[in-house]
N, C-alpha and C. Protein backbone atom coordinates (compact mmCIF):
# COMPACT_ATOMS: atom_id res chain seq x y z
N MET A 1 0.95 -1.12 -0.07
CA MET A 1 0.18 0.15 -0.30
C MET A 1 0.75 1.28 0.03
N ALA A 2 0.89 2.05 -0.89
CA ALA A 2 1.57 3.26 -1.14
C ALA A 2 0.97 4.46 -0.38
N LEU A 3 2.16 5.09 0.53
CA LEU A 3 1.71 6.37 1.24
C LEU A 3 1.13 7.65 -0.04
N GLY A 4 0.31 8.13 0.43
CA GLY A 4 0.06 9.42 -0.07
C GLY A 4 0.85 10.61 -0.27
N THR A 5 0.92 11.63 -0.98
CA THR A 5 2.08 12.69 -0.93
C THR A 5 1.72 13.47 0.67
N GLY A 6 0.69 13.72 0.95
CA GLY A 6 0.18 14.23 2.23
C GLY A 6 0.90 13.74 3.33
N THR A 7 0.61 12.27 3.39
CA THR A 7 1.29 11.39 4.46
C THR A 7 2.70 11.50 4.53
N ARG A 8 3.34 11.19 3.17
CA ARG A 8 4.67 11.33 3.16
C ARG A 8 5.39 12.61 3.66
N ARG A 9 4.63 13.48 3.45
CA ARG A 9 5.23 14.98 3.86
C ARG A 9 5.17 15.07 5.58
N GLY A 10 4.17 14.52 5.96
CA GLY A 10 3.94 14.45 7.22
C GLY A 10 5.00 13.79 8.04
N VAL A 11 5.26 12.69 7.24
CA VAL A 11 6.36 11.73 8.07
C VAL A 11 7.75 12.30 7.90
N LEU A 12 7.92 12.91 6.86
CA LEU A 12 9.17 13.54 6.90
C LEU A 12 9.40 15.17 7.54
N ALA A 13 8.29 15.94 7.93
CA ALA A 13 8.39 16.73 8.77
C ALA A 13 8.64 16.22 10.30
N LEU A 14 7.85 15.11 10.70
CA LEU A 14 7.91 14.73 11.77
C LEU A 14 9.58 14.14 12.18
N LEU A 15 10.06 13.51 11.28
CA LEU A 15 11.38 13.25 11.31
C LEU A 15 12.45 14.12 11.25
N LEU A 16 12.28 15.34 10.65
CA LEU A 16 12.81 16.54 10.64
C LEU A 16 12.64 17.19 12.15
N ALA A 17 11.42 17.41 12.61
CA ALA A 17 11.34 17.91 13.60
C ALA A 17 11.87 17.00 15.03
N SER A 18 12.08 15.73 14.91
CA SER A 18 12.50 14.94 15.76
C SER A 18 14.08 15.09 15.94
N GLY A 19 14.69 15.30 14.83
CA GLY A 19 16.05 15.22 14.51
C GLY A 19 16.54 16.58 15.01
N LEU A 20 15.84 17.61 14.85
CA LEU A 20 16.27 19.05 15.45
C LEU A 20 16.06 18.97 16.59
N ALA A 21 15.01 18.62 17.17
CA ALA A 21 14.78 18.56 18.82
C ALA A 21 15.92 17.65 19.39
N ALA A 22 16.53 16.53 18.72
CA ALA A 22 17.43 15.94 19.34
C ALA A 22 18.81 16.57 19.38
N GLY A 23 18.93 17.37 18.34
CA GLY A 23 20.31 18.08 18.02
C GLY A 23 20.41 19.52 19.20
N LEU A 24 19.26 20.22 19.32
CA LEU A 24 19.09 21.29 20.33
C LEU A 24 19.36 20.26 21.77
N TRP A 25 18.73 19.50 21.82
CA TRP A 25 18.58 18.90 23.51
C TRP A 25 20.50 18.50 23.71
N TYR A 26 20.93 17.73 22.67
CA TYR A 26 22.45 17.34 22.66
C TYR A 26 23.22 18.91 22.57
N LEU A 27 23.22 19.84 22.32
CA LEU A 27 23.61 21.27 22.36
C LEU A 27 23.38 21.91 23.59
N ARG A 28 22.52 21.56 24.06
CA ARG A 28 21.94 22.14 25.75
C ARG A 28 23.01 21.81 26.55
N ASP A 29 23.74 20.67 26.57
CA ASP A 29 24.71 20.16 27.47
C ASP A 29 25.56 19.20 27.08
N PRO A 30 26.24 19.82 26.02
CA PRO A 30 27.25 18.84 24.92
C PRO A 30 28.66 18.51 26.00
N PRO A 31 28.88 17.08 26.06
CA PRO A 31 29.88 16.52 26.83
C PRO A 31 31.29 17.40 26.63
N TRP A 32 31.59 17.78 25.61
CA TRP A 32 32.76 18.46 25.30
C TRP A 32 32.86 19.70 25.83
N LEU A 33 31.87 20.20 26.70
CA LEU A 33 32.03 21.46 27.02
C LEU A 33 32.58 21.85 28.42
N ALA A 34 33.03 20.37 28.76
CA ALA A 34 33.56 20.77 30.07
C ALA A 34 35.28 21.06 30.05
N GLY A 35 35.72 20.91 28.79
CA GLY A 35 36.92 21.15 28.50
C GLY A 35 37.46 22.48 27.90
N LEU A 36 36.32 23.29 27.71
CA LEU A 36 36.34 24.46 27.02
C LEU A 36 36.59 25.46 27.89
N THR A 37 37.57 26.51 27.27
CA THR A 37 37.74 27.91 27.84
C THR A 37 37.99 28.71 26.79
N SER A 38 37.72 29.99 26.87
CA SER A 38 37.78 30.98 26.31
C SER A 38 38.44 32.37 26.92
N GLY A 39 39.32 32.97 25.96
CA GLY A 39 39.82 34.39 26.56
C GLY A 39 41.30 34.15 27.41
N VAL A 40 41.53 32.72 27.04
CA VAL A 40 43.06 32.48 27.88
C VAL A 40 43.96 32.07 27.15
N GLY A 41 45.37 32.21 27.37
CA GLY A 41 46.34 31.82 26.86
C GLY A 41 46.77 30.57 26.89
N ARG A 42 47.99 30.11 26.55
CA ARG A 42 48.74 28.80 26.55
C ARG A 42 49.13 29.04 27.93
N TRP A 43 49.35 27.62 28.70
CA TRP A 43 50.07 27.24 29.88
C TRP A 43 51.30 27.85 29.92
N GLU A 44 51.45 28.46 31.02
CA GLU A 44 53.01 28.77 31.48
C GLU A 44 53.37 28.62 32.95
N THR A 45 54.73 28.58 33.22
CA THR A 45 55.27 28.05 34.56
C THR A 45 56.02 29.54 35.02
N ALA A 46 55.57 30.02 36.05
CA ALA A 46 56.52 30.92 36.95
C ALA A 46 57.54 30.34 37.48
N ALA A 47 58.19 31.30 37.85
CA ALA A 47 59.74 30.98 38.38
C ALA A 47 59.36 30.01 39.51
N ASP A 48 58.42 30.08 40.45
CA ASP A 48 58.30 29.17 41.63
C ASP A 48 57.62 27.97 41.22
N GLY A 49 57.44 27.55 39.78
CA GLY A 49 56.74 26.52 39.60
C GLY A 49 55.15 26.54 39.25
N THR A 50 54.61 27.85 39.50
CA THR A 50 52.97 27.67 39.70
C THR A 50 52.67 27.76 38.38
N ARG A 51 51.87 26.81 37.52
CA ARG A 51 51.53 27.03 36.59
C ARG A 51 50.19 27.96 36.24
N PHE A 52 50.20 28.86 34.96
CA PHE A 52 49.16 29.72 35.08
C PHE A 52 48.85 29.97 33.38
N ARG A 53 47.86 30.51 33.12
CA ARG A 53 47.40 31.12 31.71
C ARG A 53 46.99 32.63 31.96
N TRP A 54 47.68 33.55 31.01
CA TRP A 54 47.04 34.81 30.78
C TRP A 54 45.76 34.79 30.47
N MET A 55 45.08 35.68 30.93
CA MET A 55 43.84 35.91 30.28
C MET A 55 43.58 37.72 30.10
N GLY A 56 42.84 37.88 29.08
CA GLY A 56 42.61 39.26 28.79
C GLY A 56 41.59 39.98 29.36
N GLY A 57 40.64 40.66 28.95
CA GLY A 57 39.87 41.29 29.97
C GLY A 57 38.45 40.41 30.47
N HIS A 58 38.55 39.14 29.60
CA HIS A 58 37.13 38.49 29.92
C HIS A 58 37.70 37.11 29.52
N ALA A 59 37.58 35.89 30.59
CA ALA A 59 37.47 34.70 30.43
C ALA A 59 36.46 33.83 30.58
N SER A 60 36.17 32.83 30.13
CA SER A 60 35.01 31.90 30.69
C SER A 60 35.64 30.56 30.47
N LEU A 61 35.33 29.71 31.41
CA LEU A 61 35.34 28.45 31.66
C LEU A 61 34.57 27.48 32.22
N PHE A 62 34.08 26.42 31.99
CA PHE A 62 33.19 25.38 32.58
C PHE A 62 33.89 24.53 33.34
N VAL A 63 33.17 24.39 34.73
CA VAL A 63 33.64 23.30 35.72
C VAL A 63 32.56 22.26 35.65
N PRO A 64 32.67 20.92 36.49
CA PRO A 64 31.60 19.95 36.55
C PRO A 64 30.58 20.50 37.28
N SER A 65 29.32 20.38 37.16
CA SER A 65 28.41 20.61 38.05
C SER A 65 28.30 19.86 39.27
N GLY A 66 28.82 18.74 39.40
CA GLY A 66 28.97 18.05 40.73
C GLY A 66 29.89 18.59 41.72
N ALA A 67 30.79 19.31 41.37
CA ALA A 67 31.68 20.01 42.41
C ALA A 67 31.05 21.10 43.08
N HIS A 68 31.57 21.27 44.52
CA HIS A 68 30.83 22.12 45.45
C HIS A 68 31.28 23.36 45.48
N LEU A 69 32.53 23.50 45.20
CA LEU A 69 33.41 24.37 45.41
C LEU A 69 34.82 24.79 44.41
N ALA A 70 35.01 25.96 43.94
CA ALA A 70 35.83 25.99 42.68
C ALA A 70 36.76 27.16 43.59
N GLU A 71 38.10 27.07 43.49
CA GLU A 71 38.89 28.13 44.23
C GLU A 71 40.01 28.29 42.92
N ILE A 72 40.04 29.84 42.29
CA ILE A 72 40.23 30.31 41.38
C ILE A 72 41.85 31.06 41.60
N PRO A 73 42.80 30.83 41.73
CA PRO A 73 43.67 31.67 41.73
C PRO A 73 44.32 32.71 40.82
N LEU A 74 44.48 33.85 41.28
CA LEU A 74 44.21 35.11 40.45
C LEU A 74 45.43 36.17 40.55
N ARG A 75 46.21 36.59 39.77
CA ARG A 75 47.20 37.81 39.93
C ARG A 75 47.18 38.55 39.22
N THR A 76 47.72 39.56 39.10
CA THR A 76 48.21 40.53 37.94
C THR A 76 49.62 41.09 38.08
N THR A 77 49.82 41.88 37.46
CA THR A 77 51.37 42.75 37.37
C THR A 77 51.09 44.08 37.24
N PHE A 78 51.99 45.00 37.87
CA PHE A 78 51.69 46.25 37.61
C PHE A 78 52.88 46.94 36.80
N ASP A 79 52.68 47.85 36.20
CA ASP A 79 53.66 48.66 34.96
C ASP A 79 54.63 49.09 35.86
N ALA A 80 53.93 50.10 36.72
CA ALA A 80 54.84 51.08 37.87
C ALA A 80 54.30 50.95 38.99
N PRO A 81 54.88 51.41 40.26
CA PRO A 81 54.88 51.50 41.52
C PRO A 81 53.56 52.69 41.46
N GLY A 82 52.37 52.55 42.26
CA GLY A 82 51.50 53.24 42.40
C GLY A 82 50.25 53.23 41.60
N ASP A 83 50.33 52.08 40.51
CA ASP A 83 49.36 51.99 39.56
C ASP A 83 48.28 51.69 40.24
N TRP A 84 46.93 51.91 39.81
CA TRP A 84 45.69 51.59 40.26
C TRP A 84 45.30 50.36 40.52
N PRO A 85 44.70 49.87 41.71
CA PRO A 85 44.11 48.28 41.83
C PRO A 85 43.65 47.90 40.70
N VAL A 86 43.59 46.47 40.19
CA VAL A 86 42.86 45.88 39.34
C VAL A 86 41.64 44.99 39.85
N VAL A 87 40.34 45.33 39.29
CA VAL A 87 39.07 44.82 40.41
C VAL A 87 38.96 43.66 39.08
N ILE A 88 38.71 42.47 39.82
CA ILE A 88 38.21 41.29 39.01
C ILE A 88 36.90 40.85 39.37
N SER A 89 35.93 40.63 38.78
CA SER A 89 34.43 40.19 38.82
C SER A 89 34.33 38.73 38.45
N VAL A 90 33.76 38.04 39.28
CA VAL A 90 33.45 36.67 39.00
C VAL A 90 32.39 36.18 39.07
N THR A 91 31.73 35.35 37.97
CA THR A 91 30.30 35.23 38.12
C THR A 91 30.02 33.63 37.66
N LEU A 92 29.15 33.07 38.12
CA LEU A 92 28.46 31.74 38.04
C LEU A 92 27.30 31.79 37.09
N ASP A 93 27.28 30.92 36.04
CA ASP A 93 26.05 31.26 35.40
C ASP A 93 25.32 32.58 35.01
N ASP A 94 25.92 33.77 34.91
CA ASP A 94 25.63 34.95 35.07
C ASP A 94 25.25 35.80 36.20
N GLY A 95 25.54 34.85 37.26
CA GLY A 95 24.97 35.53 38.75
C GLY A 95 26.67 35.64 39.61
N PRO A 96 26.81 36.86 39.93
CA PRO A 96 27.92 37.61 40.53
C PRO A 96 28.16 36.71 41.78
N VAL A 97 29.48 36.09 41.95
CA VAL A 97 29.65 35.23 42.89
C VAL A 97 31.13 35.78 44.10
N ASP A 98 32.18 36.54 43.17
CA ASP A 98 33.16 37.17 43.98
C ASP A 98 33.75 38.47 43.42
N ARG A 99 34.25 39.02 44.10
CA ARG A 99 35.04 40.43 43.67
C ARG A 99 36.40 40.32 44.08
N LEU A 100 37.16 40.76 43.41
CA LEU A 100 38.41 40.86 44.14
C LEU A 100 39.11 42.15 43.73
N THR A 101 39.89 42.77 44.63
CA THR A 101 40.79 44.07 44.37
C THR A 101 42.18 43.59 44.64
N LEU A 102 43.03 43.63 43.55
CA LEU A 102 44.44 43.36 43.40
C LEU A 102 45.02 44.44 43.52
N ALA A 103 45.86 44.72 44.43
CA ALA A 103 46.56 46.14 44.50
C ALA A 103 48.17 45.90 44.62
N ASP A 104 48.77 44.56 44.54
CA ASP A 104 50.00 44.12 44.02
C ASP A 104 50.01 42.77 43.40
N SER A 105 51.14 42.26 43.08
CA SER A 105 51.18 41.17 42.16
C SER A 105 51.28 39.78 43.15
N ALA A 106 50.57 39.69 44.22
CA ALA A 106 50.28 38.56 45.22
C ALA A 106 49.19 37.62 44.53
N TRP A 107 49.44 36.49 44.54
CA TRP A 107 48.07 35.28 44.11
C TRP A 107 47.00 35.62 45.16
N ARG A 108 45.89 35.78 44.79
CA ARG A 108 44.56 35.76 45.56
C ARG A 108 43.78 34.54 44.90
N THR A 109 42.74 34.26 45.77
CA THR A 109 41.79 33.28 45.53
C THR A 109 40.43 33.76 45.46
N ALA A 110 39.72 33.47 44.27
CA ALA A 110 38.69 33.76 44.15
C ALA A 110 37.84 32.58 44.28
N VAL A 111 36.70 32.33 45.59
CA VAL A 111 35.85 31.38 45.96
C VAL A 111 34.30 31.19 45.07
N VAL A 112 34.29 30.22 44.49
CA VAL A 112 33.12 29.97 43.90
C VAL A 112 32.28 28.94 44.28
N ARG A 113 31.28 29.17 44.86
CA ARG A 113 30.19 27.91 45.84
C ARG A 113 29.40 27.79 44.75
N LEU A 114 29.33 26.10 44.38
CA LEU A 114 28.43 25.70 43.66
C LEU A 114 27.29 25.25 44.10
N PRO A 115 26.26 25.87 43.60
CA PRO A 115 24.72 25.26 44.04
C PRO A 115 24.68 23.71 43.33
N PRO A 116 23.56 23.07 43.90
CA PRO A 116 23.41 21.26 43.73
C PRO A 116 23.40 21.40 42.25
N PRO A 117 23.92 20.29 41.78
CA PRO A 117 23.52 20.13 40.19
C PRO A 117 22.24 20.30 39.88
N ALA A 118 21.93 21.02 38.48
CA ALA A 118 20.80 21.62 38.24
C ALA A 118 20.38 20.92 36.64
N GLY A 119 20.52 19.60 36.48
CA GLY A 119 20.47 18.94 35.50
C GLY A 119 21.48 19.10 34.19
N ARG A 120 22.55 19.77 34.57
CA ARG A 120 23.31 19.88 33.42
C ARG A 120 24.89 19.30 34.14
N ARG A 121 25.64 19.13 33.05
CA ARG A 121 26.88 18.53 33.34
C ARG A 121 27.97 19.48 33.97
N VAL A 122 27.67 20.61 33.35
CA VAL A 122 28.81 21.62 33.64
C VAL A 122 28.07 23.24 33.99
N ARG A 123 29.06 24.02 34.67
CA ARG A 123 28.63 25.19 34.93
C ARG A 123 29.26 26.38 34.25
N ARG A 124 29.17 27.26 34.08
CA ARG A 124 29.84 28.44 33.28
C ARG A 124 30.43 29.57 34.32
N ILE A 125 31.71 29.90 34.59
CA ILE A 125 32.28 30.63 35.38
C ILE A 125 33.01 31.62 34.46
N ASP A 126 32.54 33.09 34.56
CA ASP A 126 33.25 33.97 33.66
C ASP A 126 34.20 35.01 34.64
N ILE A 127 35.12 35.23 34.27
CA ILE A 127 35.82 36.35 35.18
C ILE A 127 36.30 37.26 34.10
N ARG A 128 36.23 38.69 34.65
CA ARG A 128 36.15 39.83 34.00
C ARG A 128 37.23 40.67 35.10
N VAL A 129 38.15 41.47 34.01
CA VAL A 129 39.06 42.31 34.84
C VAL A 129 38.45 43.81 34.24
N ASP A 130 38.72 44.59 35.13
CA ASP A 130 38.14 45.83 34.85
C ASP A 130 39.09 46.74 33.72
N ARG A 131 40.43 46.06 33.29
CA ARG A 131 41.34 46.69 32.30
C ARG A 131 42.36 45.81 31.80
N ALA A 132 42.77 45.97 30.71
CA ALA A 132 44.11 44.85 30.42
C ALA A 132 44.68 45.93 29.99
N ARG A 133 46.08 45.45 29.85
CA ARG A 133 46.81 46.13 29.59
C ARG A 133 47.15 46.18 27.80
N ALA A 134 48.19 46.84 27.30
CA ALA A 134 48.35 47.02 25.76
C ALA A 134 48.30 45.47 25.20
N ASP A 135 49.07 44.83 25.84
CA ASP A 135 49.44 43.59 25.35
C ASP A 135 48.28 42.39 25.59
N ASP A 136 47.41 42.81 26.26
CA ASP A 136 46.10 42.21 26.37
C ASP A 136 46.19 41.09 27.59
N ARG A 137 47.26 41.68 28.52
CA ARG A 137 47.17 40.68 29.44
C ARG A 137 46.42 41.68 30.93
N GLY A 138 45.20 40.87 30.86
CA GLY A 138 44.54 41.26 32.40
C GLY A 138 45.19 40.73 33.67
N ALA A 139 44.80 39.45 33.72
CA ALA A 139 45.19 38.74 35.13
C ALA A 139 45.92 37.18 34.55
N ALA A 140 46.69 36.95 35.38
CA ALA A 140 47.24 35.35 35.29
C ALA A 140 46.13 34.57 35.94
N LEU A 141 45.74 33.51 35.46
CA LEU A 141 44.80 32.67 36.11
C LEU A 141 45.33 31.29 36.38
N GLY A 142 45.38 30.93 37.66
CA GLY A 142 46.16 29.65 37.88
C GLY A 142 45.09 28.44 37.70
N GLU A 143 45.78 27.33 38.03
CA GLU A 143 45.15 26.33 38.19
C GLU A 143 44.02 26.03 39.19
N ILE A 144 42.77 25.80 38.84
CA ILE A 144 41.43 25.90 39.40
C ILE A 144 41.56 24.46 40.53
N ARG A 145 41.25 24.72 41.46
CA ARG A 145 41.14 23.65 42.53
C ARG A 145 39.39 23.48 42.45
N LEU A 146 38.89 22.13 42.51
CA LEU A 146 37.60 21.80 42.63
C LEU A 146 37.73 20.94 43.87
N ARG A 147 36.50 21.16 44.51
CA ARG A 147 36.33 20.17 45.75
C ARG A 147 34.92 20.02 45.79
C-alpha cells in the first residue's frame, strides 16, 4: 500500500522535527563543553613553579556541576609602583559570586560556591578584569581547584 503525498510530507516533517529536537537537546549540555575555555592563553610556568595562563579582559571556563567549590587563583602585574588596583569580577552562570581587588602582584583566590547540580553536566564561570594592558594581559589565572 503506497503512502499519499500528504502522508509522506507529514512523516518527513516529523522526522525533521525529531532530528532538530534531538540536536538542540544535545547542544544544551554537550559533553565536550567541560574542557572548553575562552579568553585565556597557553599554560606557562612561573619561576616558583606555579602554572598559569594569561587572560585578557574576559575569560570563560566550565567546571563540572557536581563540584561544590571552585577556588580560582588570580594575580596581575603592575607597570609602575602606584598603579591603580585591578578589580576582578567572577560570575557563575551570569550571577555574581566574587569580586577581588588586586593592589599588588600576590596571588589571591576567588571562591565560587556551586549550588547543587541542576540537570546539566557543567557550570559556566566568567572572570572579568576591569582593564587589560596594551599586550591584552589582564590577569594570570592559576590552576583551578575543585572540591
